[in-house]
Amino acid sequence: MHQLMGIITAVASGTTEIESMQDAVQVVSEDVKQTTSMLSNFIQPFVDKLPSLAFALLFLVIGVFLSKQIVRILGKAFQRSNMDGIMASFIRSIVKIVLYVLLAVIALSILDVPMDSIVAVIASAGVAVGLALKDSLSNLAGGFIILFSKPMKEGDTIEVDGVIGKVEAISILYTRLVTADNKTVYIPNGTVSKDKIINYTDKELRRVDLLFGISYESDIDMAKNVLLEEVKAASESLADPPPEVYVSSHDDNAVILRLQVWTKSGDYWTLYYRLMENVKKAFDRNGISIPYPQVELHIPEQSSKK
């Protein structure tokens, strides 16, 4: 009897354990199903968009390649048309930006992003960027002003914002100058468009103005002849318009002679330095003195007290 009761108890206990295991398996199964469903819901949109995403990436790669080719072709076309280098560089920069923006918009359209959303994002981004980069937009506008007003061209030597240099390029935001000592200076286009621009090489000819002081005891006519002879000896000087020498002023210690001689714009500094040296040597040979500031002190004699 006791053995029969033990067997019944063991069977009952085993049945309970089996039911508990079944419950545990069912709970785990439901958790797995729920997790699988969540992952499926998360991944499925990407799977559905995979063909569009692949096509959009392919379109971007091809589009970037074609954009570079278009910009390169434009550059060659501008060279053949003898367009000013500054204008050509500026237009290429603008075209490149426009093409890249169009590529981005078309790629988003391929991904079925609503056009209204794209326009709204672009408008919002434009406002935000405009507020954050108002100075850059001013430089962009300045670039257009420089481009269309044409106060300078590539290779011109200009002075702007206190810097003298040769114009190398005008990008979207900056004008690039190279100074005489080979320094590269980037000046914002907004500053260039608002500042006074002095173009030293816009005209074919320039006049060199030099001042020389001679003592009051020196012969003025001889000094004028010496200056004109040195001008004739300089290969960079031009006979037409003819050089001129005249008395500019009477200073405290010297009579100031002003020499004006014309030359080609590219020869300006060569002639300037040549005359500064040769005139001093010629004055020394002809006994014409170049005075320097002097102060004479007259001390009256005081009678000694007896």
C-alpha atoms as a PDB file:
ATOM      1  CA  MET A   1       0.000   0.000   0.000  1.00  0.00           C
ATOM      2  CA  HIS A   2       2.819   2.358   0.931  1.00  0.00           C
ATOM      3  CA  GLN A   3       4.636   1.477  -2.280  1.00  0.00           C
ATOM      4  CA  LEU A   4       1.533   2.250  -4.354  1.00  0.00           C
ATOM      5  CA  MET A   5       1.165   5.672  -2.703  1.00  0.00           C
ATOM      6  CA  GLY A   6       4.834   6.465  -3.439  1.00  0.00           C
ATOM      7  CA  ILE A   7       4.423   5.608  -7.075  1.00  0.00           C
ATOM      8  CA  ILE A   8       1.340   7.838  -7.362  1.00  0.00           C
ATOM      9  CA  THR A   9       3.170  10.742  -5.681  1.00  0.00           C
ATOM     10  CA  ALA A  10       6.168  10.399  -7.982  1.00  0.00           C
ATOM     11  CA  VAL A  11       3.949  10.369 -11.053  1.00  0.00           C
ATOM     12  CA  ALA A  12       2.128  13.482  -9.844  1.00  0.00           C
ATOM     13  CA  SER A  13       5.420  15.283  -9.156  1.00  0.00           C
ATOM     14  CA  GLY A  14       6.773  14.409 -12.588  1.00  0.00           C
ATOM     15  CA  THR A  15       3.637  15.681 -14.239  1.00  0.00           C
ATOM     16  CA  THR A  16       4.010  19.022 -12.411  1.00  0.00           C
ATOM     17  CA  GLU A  17       7.635  19.404 -13.546  1.00  0.00           C
ATOM     18  CA  ILE A  18       6.687  18.626 -17.127  1.00  0.00           C
ATOM     19  CA  GLU A  19       3.936  21.256 -17.044  1.00  0.00           C
ATOM     20  CA  SER A  20       6.373  23.824 -15.583  1.00  0.00           C
ATOM     21  CA  MET A  21       8.871  23.105 -18.371  1.00  0.00           C
ATOM     22  CA  GLN A  22       6.160  23.453 -20.952  1.00  0.00           C
ATOM     23  CA  ASP A  23       5.147  26.817 -19.511  1.00  0.00           C
ATOM     24  CA  ALA A  24       8.758  28.012 -19.533  1.00  0.00           C
ATOM     25  CA  VAL A  25       9.211  26.914 -23.149  1.00  0.00           C
ATOM     26  CA  GLN A  26       6.020  28.723 -24.118  1.00  0.00           C
ATOM     27  CA  VAL A  27       7.171  31.972 -22.425  1.00  0.00           C
ATOM     28  CA  VAL A  28      10.554  31.809 -24.135  1.00  0.00           C
ATOM     29  CA  SER A  29       8.878  31.077 -27.451  1.00  0.00           C
ATOM     30  CA  GLU A  30       6.612  34.101 -27.074  1.00  0.00           C
ATOM     31  CA  ASP A  31       9.612  36.316 -26.180  1.00  0.00           C
ATOM     32  CA  VAL A  32      11.503  35.099 -29.226  1.00  0.00           C
ATOM     33  CA  LYS A  33       8.507  35.737 -31.455  1.00  0.00           C
ATOM     34  CA  GLN A  34       8.099  39.253 -30.035  1.00  0.00           C
ATOM     35  CA  THR A  35      11.783  40.065 -30.480  1.00  0.00           C
ATOM     36  CA  THR A  36      11.771  38.652 -33.997  1.00  0.00           C
ATOM     37  CA  SER A  37       8.723  40.735 -34.827  1.00  0.00           C
ATOM     38  CA  MET A  38      10.389  43.917 -33.529  1.00  0.00           C
ATOM     39  CA  LEU A  39      13.569  43.256 -35.510  1.00  0.00           C
ATOM     40  CA  SER A  40      11.517  42.463 -38.583  1.00  0.00           C
ATOM     41  CA  ASN A  41       9.540  45.691 -38.255  1.00  0.00           C
ATOM     42  CA  PHE A  42      12.800  47.626 -37.824  1.00  0.00           C
ATOM     43  CA  ILE A  43      14.754  45.987 -40.643  1.00  0.00           C
ATOM     44  CA  GLN A  44      11.946  45.515 -43.148  1.00  0.00           C
ATOM     45  CA  PRO A  45      11.818  49.192 -44.251  1.00  0.00           C
ATOM     46  CA  PHE A  46      15.545  49.071 -44.984  1.00  0.00           C
ATOM     47  CA  VAL A  47      15.109  45.821 -46.872  1.00  0.00           C
ATOM     48  CA  ASP A  48      12.255  47.338 -48.854  1.00  0.00           C
ATOM     49  CA  LYS A  49      14.375  50.434 -49.586  1.00  0.00           C
ATOM     50  CA  LEU A  50      17.524  48.485 -50.398  1.00  0.00           C
ATOM     51  CA  PRO A  51      17.060  48.609 -54.190  1.00  0.00           C
ATOM     52  CA  SER A  52      16.308  52.339 -54.053  1.00  0.00           C
ATOM     53  CA  LEU A  53      19.254  52.958 -51.714  1.00  0.00           C
ATOM     54  CA  ALA A  54      21.618  51.045 -53.984  1.00  0.00           C
ATOM     55  CA  PHE A  55      20.323  52.952 -57.023  1.00  0.00           C
ATOM     56  CA  ALA A  56      20.675  56.283 -55.183  1.00  0.00           C
ATOM     57  CA  LEU A  57      24.300  55.521 -54.218  1.00  0.00           C
ATOM     58  CA  LEU A  58      25.070  54.466 -57.781  1.00  0.00           C
ATOM     59  CA  PHE A  59      23.445  57.656 -59.060  1.00  0.00           C
ATOM     60  CA  LEU A  60      25.572  59.753 -56.671  1.00  0.00           C
ATOM     61  CA  VAL A  61      28.806  58.087 -57.749  1.00  0.00           C
ATOM     62  CA  ILE A  62      28.021  58.517 -61.433  1.00  0.00           C
ATOM     63  CA  GLY A  63      26.693  62.036 -60.848  1.00  0.00           C
ATOM     64  CA  VAL A  64      29.839  63.182 -59.018  1.00  0.00           C
ATOM     65  CA  PHE A  65      31.984  61.791 -61.827  1.00  0.00           C
ATOM     66  CA  LEU A  66      29.905  63.505 -64.513  1.00  0.00           C
ATOM     67  CA  SER A  67      29.889  66.776 -62.539  1.00  0.00           C
ATOM     68  CA  LYS A  68      33.683  66.791 -62.434  1.00  0.00           C
ATOM     69  CA  GLN A  69      33.791  66.134 -66.159  1.00  0.00           C
ATOM     70  CA  ILE A  70      31.342  68.976 -66.833  1.00  0.00           C
ATOM     71  CA  VAL A  71      33.436  71.384 -64.761  1.00  0.00           C
ATOM     72  CA  ARG A  72      36.598  70.237 -66.572  1.00  0.00           C
ATOM     73  CA  ILE A  73      34.955  70.700 -69.981  1.00  0.00           C
ATOM     74  CA  LEU A  74      33.784  74.166 -68.967  1.00  0.00           C
ATOM     75  CA  GLY A  75      37.342  75.043 -67.954  1.00  0.00           C
ATOM     76  CA  LYS A  76      38.691  74.007 -71.361  1.00  0.00           C
ATOM     77  CA  ALA A  77      35.888  75.885 -73.126  1.00  0.00           C
ATOM     78  CA  PHE A  78      36.684  79.034 -71.147  1.00  0.00           C
ATOM     79  CA  GLN A  79      40.361  78.707 -72.091  1.00  0.00           C
ATOM     80  CA  ARG A  80      39.513  78.411 -75.785  1.00  0.00           C
ATOM     81  CA  SER A  81      37.218  81.431 -75.556  1.00  0.00           C
ATOM     82  CA  ASN A  82      39.998  83.520 -73.937  1.00  0.00           C
ATOM     83  CA  MET A  83      37.740  84.292 -70.994  1.00  0.00           C
ATOM     84  CA  ASP A  84      39.394  86.071 -68.097  1.00  0.00           C
ATOM     85  CA  GLY A  85      40.836  83.516 -65.681  1.00  0.00           C
ATOM     86  CA  ILE A  86      39.175  85.108 -62.661  1.00  0.00           C
ATOM     87  CA  MET A  87      35.697  84.931 -64.202  1.00  0.00           C
ATOM     88  CA  ALA A  88      36.279  81.368 -65.423  1.00  0.00           C
ATOM     89  CA  SER A  89      37.376  80.202 -61.968  1.00  0.00           C
ATOM     90  CA  PHE A  90      34.418  81.870 -60.276  1.00  0.00           C
ATOM     91  CA  ILE A  91      31.869  80.392 -62.709  1.00  0.00           C
ATOM     92  CA  ARG A  92      33.364  76.900 -62.323  1.00  0.00           C
ATOM     93  CA  SER A  93      33.022  77.147 -58.539  1.00  0.00           C
ATOM     94  CA  ILE A  94      29.363  78.195 -58.800  1.00  0.00           C
ATOM     95  CA  VAL A  95      28.543  75.458 -61.338  1.00  0.00           C
ATOM     96  CA  LYS A  96      30.182  72.790 -59.141  1.00  0.00           C
ATOM     97  CA  ILE A  97      28.106  73.781 -56.097  1.00  0.00           C
ATOM     98  CA  VAL A  98      24.864  73.884 -58.102  1.00  0.00           C
ATOM     99  CA  LEU A  99      25.520  70.453 -59.608  1.00  0.00           C
ATOM    100  CA  TYR A 100      26.238  68.895 -56.217  1.00  0.00           C
ATOM    101  CA  VAL A 101      23.057  70.368 -54.720  1.00  0.00           C
ATOM    102  CA  LEU A 102      21.019  68.987 -57.633  1.00  0.00           C
ATOM    103  CA  LEU A 103      22.596  65.552 -57.148  1.00  0.00           C
ATOM    104  CA  ALA A 104      21.651  65.534 -53.467  1.00  0.00           C
ATOM    105  CA  VAL A 105      18.050  66.556 -54.209  1.00  0.00           C
ATOM    106  CA  ILE A 106      17.623  63.920 -56.939  1.00  0.00           C
ATOM    107  CA  ALA A 107      19.133  61.202 -54.701  1.00  0.00           C
ATOM    108  CA  LEU A 108      16.640  62.049 -51.947  1.00  0.00           C
ATOM    109  CA  SER A 109      13.827  61.887 -54.500  1.00  0.00           C
ATOM    110  CA  ILE A 110      14.968  58.408 -55.539  1.00  0.00           C
ATOM    111  CA  LEU A 111      14.617  57.343 -51.901  1.00  0.00           C
ATOM    112  CA  ASP A 112      10.987  58.518 -52.056  1.00  0.00           C
ATOM    113  CA  VAL A 113      11.577  61.430 -49.700  1.00  0.00           C
ATOM    114  CA  PRO A 114       8.650  63.813 -50.326  1.00  0.00           C
ATOM    115  CA  MET A 115       9.649  66.852 -52.353  1.00  0.00           C
ATOM    116  CA  ASP A 116       7.763  69.090 -49.946  1.00  0.00           C
ATOM    117  CA  SER A 117       9.982  67.819 -47.148  1.00  0.00           C
ATOM    118  CA  ILE A 118      13.100  68.380 -49.226  1.00  0.00           C
ATOM    119  CA  VAL A 119      12.059  71.945 -50.031  1.00  0.00           C
ATOM    120  CA  ALA A 120      11.186  72.599 -46.392  1.00  0.00           C
ATOM    121  CA  VAL A 121      14.542  71.232 -45.219  1.00  0.00           C
ATOM    122  CA  ILE A 122      16.435  73.267 -47.817  1.00  0.00           C
ATOM    123  CA  ALA A 123      14.529  76.411 -46.878  1.00  0.00           C
ATOM    124  CA  SER A 124      15.101  75.872 -43.167  1.00  0.00           C
ATOM    125  CA  ALA A 125      18.746  75.066 -43.735  1.00  0.00           C
ATOM    126  CA  GLY A 126      19.059  78.131 -45.930  1.00  0.00           C
ATOM    127  CA  VAL A 127      17.689  80.391 -43.214  1.00  0.00           C
ATOM    128  CA  ALA A 128      19.901  78.815 -40.561  1.00  0.00           C
ATOM    129  CA  VAL A 129      22.990  78.936 -42.747  1.00  0.00           C
ATOM    130  CA  GLY A 130      22.167  82.484 -43.795  1.00  0.00           C
ATOM    131  CA  LEU A 131      22.041  83.646 -40.196  1.00  0.00           C
ATOM    132  CA  ALA A 132      25.165  81.732 -39.218  1.00  0.00           C
ATOM    133  CA  LEU A 133      27.171  82.650 -42.306  1.00  0.00           C
ATOM    134  CA  LYS A 134      26.003  86.173 -43.048  1.00  0.00           C
ATOM    135  CA  ASP A 135      29.601  87.318 -43.498  1.00  0.00           C
ATOM    136  CA  SER A 136      30.241  84.489 -45.958  1.00  0.00           C
ATOM    137  CA  LEU A 137      27.118  85.444 -47.904  1.00  0.00           C
ATOM    138  CA  SER A 138      28.434  89.004 -47.983  1.00  0.00           C
ATOM    139  CA  ASN A 139      31.672  87.641 -49.441  1.00  0.00           C
ATOM    140  CA  LEU A 140      29.688  85.632 -51.999  1.00  0.00           C
ATOM    141  CA  ALA A 141      27.785  88.749 -53.050  1.00  0.00           C
ATOM    142  CA  GLY A 142      31.079  90.636 -53.164  1.00  0.00           C
ATOM    143  CA  GLY A 143      32.440  87.985 -55.513  1.00  0.00           C
ATOM    144  CA  PHE A 144      29.559  88.573 -57.938  1.00  0.00           C
ATOM    145  CA  ILE A 145      30.119  92.341 -57.734  1.00  0.00           C
ATOM    146  CA  ILE A 146      33.821  91.931 -58.526  1.00  0.00           C
ATOM    147  CA  LEU A 147      33.035  89.478 -61.302  1.00  0.00           C
ATOM    148  CA  PHE A 148      30.609  91.736 -63.151  1.00  0.00           C
ATOM    149  CA  SER A 149      32.150  95.154 -62.410  1.00  0.00           C
ATOM    150  CA  LYS A 150      35.619  93.866 -63.429  1.00  0.00           C
ATOM    151  CA  PRO A 151      37.854  96.312 -61.524  1.00  0.00           C
ATOM    152  CA  MET A 152      40.741  93.860 -62.064  1.00  0.00           C
ATOM    153  CA  LYS A 153      41.746  90.805 -64.022  1.00  0.00           C
ATOM    154  CA  GLU A 154      44.028  87.872 -63.472  1.00  0.00           C
ATOM    155  CA  GLY A 155      47.671  88.976 -63.304  1.00  0.00           C
ATOM    156  CA  ASP A 156      46.931  92.609 -62.383  1.00  0.00           C
ATOM    157  CA  THR A 157      48.909  94.177 -59.552  1.00  0.00           C
ATOM    158  CA  ILE A 158      46.489  95.888 -57.184  1.00  0.00           C
ATOM    159  CA  GLU A 159      46.381  97.467 -53.761  1.00  0.00           C
ATOM    160  CA  VAL A 160      43.388  96.660 -51.553  1.00  0.00           C
ATOM    161  CA  ASP A 161      42.917  96.616 -47.792  1.00  0.00           C
ATOM    162  CA  GLY A 162      46.512  97.793 -47.362  1.00  0.00           C
ATOM    163  CA  VAL A 163      47.948  94.861 -49.359  1.00  0.00           C
ATOM    164  CA  ILE A 164      49.781  95.172 -52.692  1.00  0.00           C
ATOM    165  CA  GLY A 165      49.982  92.016 -54.764  1.00  0.00           C
ATOM    166  CA  LYS A 166      49.273  90.282 -58.051  1.00  0.00           C
ATOM    167  CA  VAL A 167      45.767  88.879 -58.516  1.00  0.00           C
ATOM    168  CA  GLU A 168      46.009  85.105 -58.745  1.00  0.00           C
ATOM    169  CA  ALA A 169      42.370  84.031 -58.432  1.00  0.00           C
ATOM    170  CA  ILE A 170      38.937  84.984 -57.127  1.00  0.00           C
ATOM    171  CA  SER A 171      37.074  82.125 -55.472  1.00  0.00           C
ATOM    172  CA  ILE A 172      33.531  82.167 -54.122  1.00  0.00           C
ATOM    173  CA  LEU A 173      34.547  83.755 -50.816  1.00  0.00           C
ATOM    174  CA  TYR A 174      38.091  85.092 -51.183  1.00  0.00           C
ATOM    175  CA  THR A 175      40.364  87.019 -53.533  1.00  0.00           C
ATOM    176  CA  ARG A 176      43.856  85.525 -53.620  1.00  0.00           C
ATOM    177  CA  LEU A 177      46.839  87.873 -54.031  1.00  0.00           C
ATOM    178  CA  VAL A 178      50.545  87.065 -54.281  1.00  0.00           C
ATOM    179  CA  THR A 179      52.817  89.779 -52.920  1.00  0.00           C
ATOM    180  CA  ALA A 180      56.218  90.795 -54.327  1.00  0.00           C
ATOM    181  CA  ASP A 181      57.979  88.672 -51.674  1.00  0.00           C
ATOM    182  CA  ASN A 182      55.855  85.637 -52.710  1.00  0.00           C
ATOM    183  CA  LYS A 183      53.388  85.632 -49.841  1.00  0.00           C
ATOM    184  CA  THR A 184      49.832  84.489 -50.560  1.00  0.00           C
ATOM    185  CA  VAL A 185      47.162  86.757 -49.065  1.00  0.00           C
ATOM    186  CA  TYR A 186      43.459  85.852 -48.959  1.00  0.00           C
ATOM    187  CA  ILE A 187      41.145  88.865 -48.716  1.00  0.00           C
ATOM    188  CA  PRO A 188      37.372  88.379 -48.245  1.00  0.00           C
ATOM    189  CA  ASN A 189      35.420  89.376 -51.339  1.00  0.00           C
ATOM    190  CA  GLY A 190      33.114  91.524 -49.200  1.00  0.00           C
ATOM    191  CA  THR A 191      36.113  93.593 -48.114  1.00  0.00           C
ATOM    192  CA  VAL A 192      37.434  93.840 -51.661  1.00  0.00           C
ATOM    193  CA  SER A 193      34.096  94.993 -53.084  1.00  0.00           C
ATOM    194  CA  LYS A 194      33.693  97.691 -50.399  1.00  0.00           C
ATOM    195  CA  ASP A 195      37.308  98.882 -50.194  1.00  0.00           C
ATOM    196  CA  LYS A 196      39.178 101.235 -52.503  1.00  0.00           C
ATOM    197  CA  ILE A 197      40.981  99.242 -55.213  1.00  0.00           C
ATOM    198  CA  ILE A 198      44.118 100.685 -56.820  1.00  0.00           C
ATOM    199  CA  ASN A 199      45.018  98.851 -60.021  1.00  0.00           C
ATOM    200  CA  TYR A 200      48.661  99.532 -60.870  1.00  0.00           C
ATOM    201  CA  THR A 201      48.785  97.550 -64.114  1.00  0.00           C
ATOM    202  CA  ASP A 202      45.373  98.242 -65.638  1.00  0.00           C
ATOM    203  CA  LYS A 203      46.940 100.800 -68.003  1.00  0.00           C
ATOM    204  CA  GLU A 204      49.818  99.987 -70.310  1.00  0.00           C
ATOM    205  CA  LEU A 205      51.918 102.990 -69.224  1.00  0.00           C
ATOM    206  CA  ARG A 206      52.775 104.456 -65.818  1.00  0.00           C
ATOM    207  CA  ARG A 207      54.590 107.616 -64.773  1.00  0.00           C
ATOM    208  CA  VAL A 208      57.517 107.431 -62.383  1.00  0.00           C
ATOM    209  CA  ASP A 209      57.668 110.475 -60.082  1.00  0.00           C
ATOM    210  CA  LEU A 210      60.932 111.065 -58.220  1.00  0.00           C
ATOM    211  CA  LEU A 211      62.018 113.894 -55.938  1.00  0.00           C
ATOM    212  CA  PHE A 212      65.662 114.965 -55.647  1.00  0.00           C
ATOM    213  CA  GLY A 213      66.986 117.631 -53.339  1.00  0.00           C
ATOM    214  CA  ILE A 214      70.020 119.747 -54.250  1.00  0.00           C
ATOM    215  CA  SER A 215      71.746 122.397 -52.221  1.00  0.00           C
ATOM    216  CA  TYR A 216      70.998 126.074 -52.760  1.00  0.00           C
ATOM    217  CA  GLU A 217      74.563 126.552 -53.976  1.00  0.00           C
ATOM    218  CA  SER A 218      74.212 123.950 -56.771  1.00  0.00           C
ATOM    219  CA  ASP A 219      73.391 124.881 -60.391  1.00  0.00           C
ATOM    220  CA  ILE A 220      69.712 124.079 -61.001  1.00  0.00           C
ATOM    221  CA  ASP A 221      70.044 123.944 -64.804  1.00  0.00           C
ATOM    222  CA  MET A 222      72.988 121.566 -64.588  1.00  0.00           C
ATOM    223  CA  ALA A 223      71.031 119.339 -62.190  1.00  0.00           C
ATOM    224  CA  LYS A 224      68.081 119.259 -64.611  1.00  0.00           C
ATOM    225  CA  ASN A 225      70.353 118.295 -67.523  1.00  0.00           C
ATOM    226  CA  VAL A 226      71.946 115.532 -65.441  1.00  0.00           C
ATOM    227  CA  LEU A 227      68.520 114.120 -64.613  1.00  0.00           C
ATOM    228  CA  LEU A 228      67.415 114.152 -68.255  1.00  0.00           C
ATOM    229  CA  GLU A 229      70.661 112.496 -69.383  1.00  0.00           C
ATOM    230  CA  GLU A 230      70.160 109.683 -66.888  1.00  0.00           C
ATOM    231  CA  VAL A 231      66.593 109.233 -68.113  1.00  0.00           C
ATOM    232  CA  LYS A 232      67.792 108.909 -71.706  1.00  0.00           C
ATOM    233  CA  ALA A 233      70.404 106.345 -70.635  1.00  0.00           C
ATOM    234  CA  ALA A 234      67.789 104.143 -68.953  1.00  0.00           C
ATOM    235  CA  SER A 235      66.434 101.584 -71.421  1.00  0.00           C
ATOM    236  CA  GLU A 236      63.085 101.338 -69.592  1.00  0.00           C
ATOM    237  CA  SER A 237      62.216 105.034 -70.018  1.00  0.00           C
ATOM    238  CA  LEU A 238      60.008 106.249 -72.857  1.00  0.00           C
ATOM    239  CA  ALA A 239      60.642 109.269 -75.029  1.00  0.00           C
ATOM    240  CA  ASP A 240      56.923 109.770 -75.625  1.00  0.00           C
ATOM    241  CA  PRO A 241      55.423 111.233 -73.499  1.00  0.00           C
ATOM    242  CA  PRO A 242      58.641 113.223 -72.937  1.00  0.00           C
ATOM    243  CA  PRO A 243      60.226 113.323 -69.462  1.00  0.00           C
ATOM    244  CA  GLU A 244      59.964 116.540 -67.453  1.00  0.00           C
ATOM    245  CA  VAL A 245      61.987 118.124 -64.637  1.00  0.00           C
ATOM    246  CA  TYR A 246      60.920 121.177 -62.664  1.00  0.00           C
ATOM    247  CA  VAL A 247      61.448 122.822 -59.310  1.00  0.00           C
ATOM    248  CA  SER A 248      58.869 121.398 -56.927  1.00  0.00           C
ATOM    249  CA  SER A 249      59.571 123.369 -53.739  1.00  0.00           C
ATOM    250  CA  HIS A 250      62.102 125.274 -51.679  1.00  0.00           C
ATOM    251  CA  ASP A 251      62.675 123.389 -48.474  1.00  0.00           C
ATOM    252  CA  ASP A 252      64.652 124.471 -45.450  1.00  0.00           C
ATOM    253  CA  ASN A 253      67.842 122.767 -46.587  1.00  0.00           C
ATOM    254  CA  ALA A 254      67.362 121.985 -50.290  1.00  0.00           C
ATOM    255  CA  VAL A 255      65.790 122.895 -53.593  1.00  0.00           C
ATOM    256  CA  ILE A 256      63.497 120.011 -54.539  1.00  0.00           C
ATOM    257  CA  LEU A 257      63.478 118.894 -58.180  1.00  0.00           C
ATOM    258  CA  ARG A 258      60.639 116.685 -59.400  1.00  0.00           C
ATOM    259  CA  LEU A 259      61.425 114.226 -62.208  1.00  0.00           C
ATOM    260  CA  GLN A 260      58.548 112.723 -64.177  1.00  0.00           C
ATOM    261  CA  VAL A 261      59.260 109.982 -66.705  1.00  0.00           C
ATOM    262  CA  TRP A 262      56.953 107.484 -68.398  1.00  0.00           C
ATOM    263  CA  THR A 263      57.524 103.746 -68.724  1.00  0.00           C
ATOM    264  CA  LYS A 264      55.640 100.510 -69.278  1.00  0.00           C
ATOM    265  CA  SER A 265      53.724  99.330 -66.230  1.00  0.00           C
ATOM    266  CA  GLY A 266      55.810  96.177 -65.969  1.00  0.00           C
ATOM    267  CA  ASP A 267      59.059  98.213 -65.924  1.00  0.00           C
ATOM    268  CA  TYR A 268      57.973 100.681 -63.236  1.00  0.00           C
ATOM    269  CA  TRP A 269      60.050  99.435 -60.317  1.00  0.00           C
ATOM    270  CA  THR A 270      63.066  98.561 -62.493  1.00  0.00           C
ATOM    271  CA  LEU A 271      63.253 102.138 -63.765  1.00  0.00           C
ATOM    272  CA  TYR A 272      62.509 103.562 -60.315  1.00  0.00           C
ATOM    273  CA  TYR A 273      65.445 101.819 -58.628  1.00  0.00           C
ATOM    274  CA  ARG A 274      67.768 102.388 -61.594  1.00  0.00           C
ATOM    275  CA  LEU A 275      67.223 106.157 -61.532  1.00  0.00           C
ATOM    276  CA  MET A 276      67.544 106.377 -57.744  1.00  0.00           C
ATOM    277  CA  GLU A 277      71.027 104.860 -57.970  1.00  0.00           C
ATOM    278  CA  ASN A 278      72.286 106.401 -61.207  1.00  0.00           C
ATOM    279  CA  VAL A 279      71.190 109.947 -60.356  1.00  0.00           C
ATOM    280  CA  LYS A 280      73.144 109.889 -57.073  1.00  0.00           C
ATOM    281  CA  LYS A 281      76.279 108.750 -58.907  1.00  0.00           C
ATOM    282  CA  ALA A 282      75.779 111.385 -61.637  1.00  0.00           C
ATOM    283  CA  PHE A 283      75.321 114.159 -59.061  1.00  0.00           C
ATOM    284  CA  ASP A 284      78.571 113.116 -57.385  1.00  0.00           C
ATOM    285  CA  ARG A 285      80.459 113.172 -60.714  1.00  0.00           C
ATOM    286  CA  ASN A 286      79.168 116.656 -61.536  1.00  0.00           C
ATOM    287  CA  GLY A 287      79.720 118.148 -58.109  1.00  0.00           C
ATOM    288  CA  ILE A 288      76.024 118.579 -57.323  1.00  0.00           C
ATOM    289  CA  SER A 289      75.534 118.145 -53.617  1.00  0.00           C
ATOM    290  CA  ILE A 290      72.530 116.521 -52.006  1.00  0.00           C
ATOM    291  CA  PRO A 291      72.129 118.246 -48.657  1.00  0.00           C
ATOM    292  CA  TYR A 292      71.014 116.708 -45.411  1.00  0.00           C
ATOM    293  CA  PRO A 293      69.172 118.456 -42.591  1.00  0.00           C
ATOM    294  CA  GLN A 294      71.416 120.805 -40.641  1.00  0.00           C
ATOM    295  CA  VAL A 295      70.824 123.041 -37.672  1.00  0.00           C
ATOM    296  CA  GLU A 296      72.998 126.065 -37.020  1.00  0.00           C
ATOM    297  CA  LEU A 297      73.311 127.302 -33.471  1.00  0.00           C
ATOM    298  CA  HIS A 298      74.389 130.874 -32.784  1.00  0.00           C
ATOM    299  CA  ILE A 299      75.549 131.411 -29.219  1.00  0.00           C
ATOM    300  CA  PRO A 300      76.027 135.065 -28.404  1.00  0.00           C
ATOM    301  CA  GLU A 301      79.169 135.964 -26.516  1.00  0.00           C
ATOM    302  CA  GLN A 302      78.573 137.168 -22.971  1.00  0.00           C
ATOM    303  CA  SER A 303      80.771 139.896 -21.600  1.00  0.00           C
ATOM    304  CA  SER A 304      82.667 138.761 -18.547  1.00  0.00           C
ATOM    305  CA  LYS A 305      81.798 140.549 -15.341  1.00  0.00           C
ATOM    306  CA  LYS A 306      84.598 142.463 -13.730  1.00  0.00           C
END
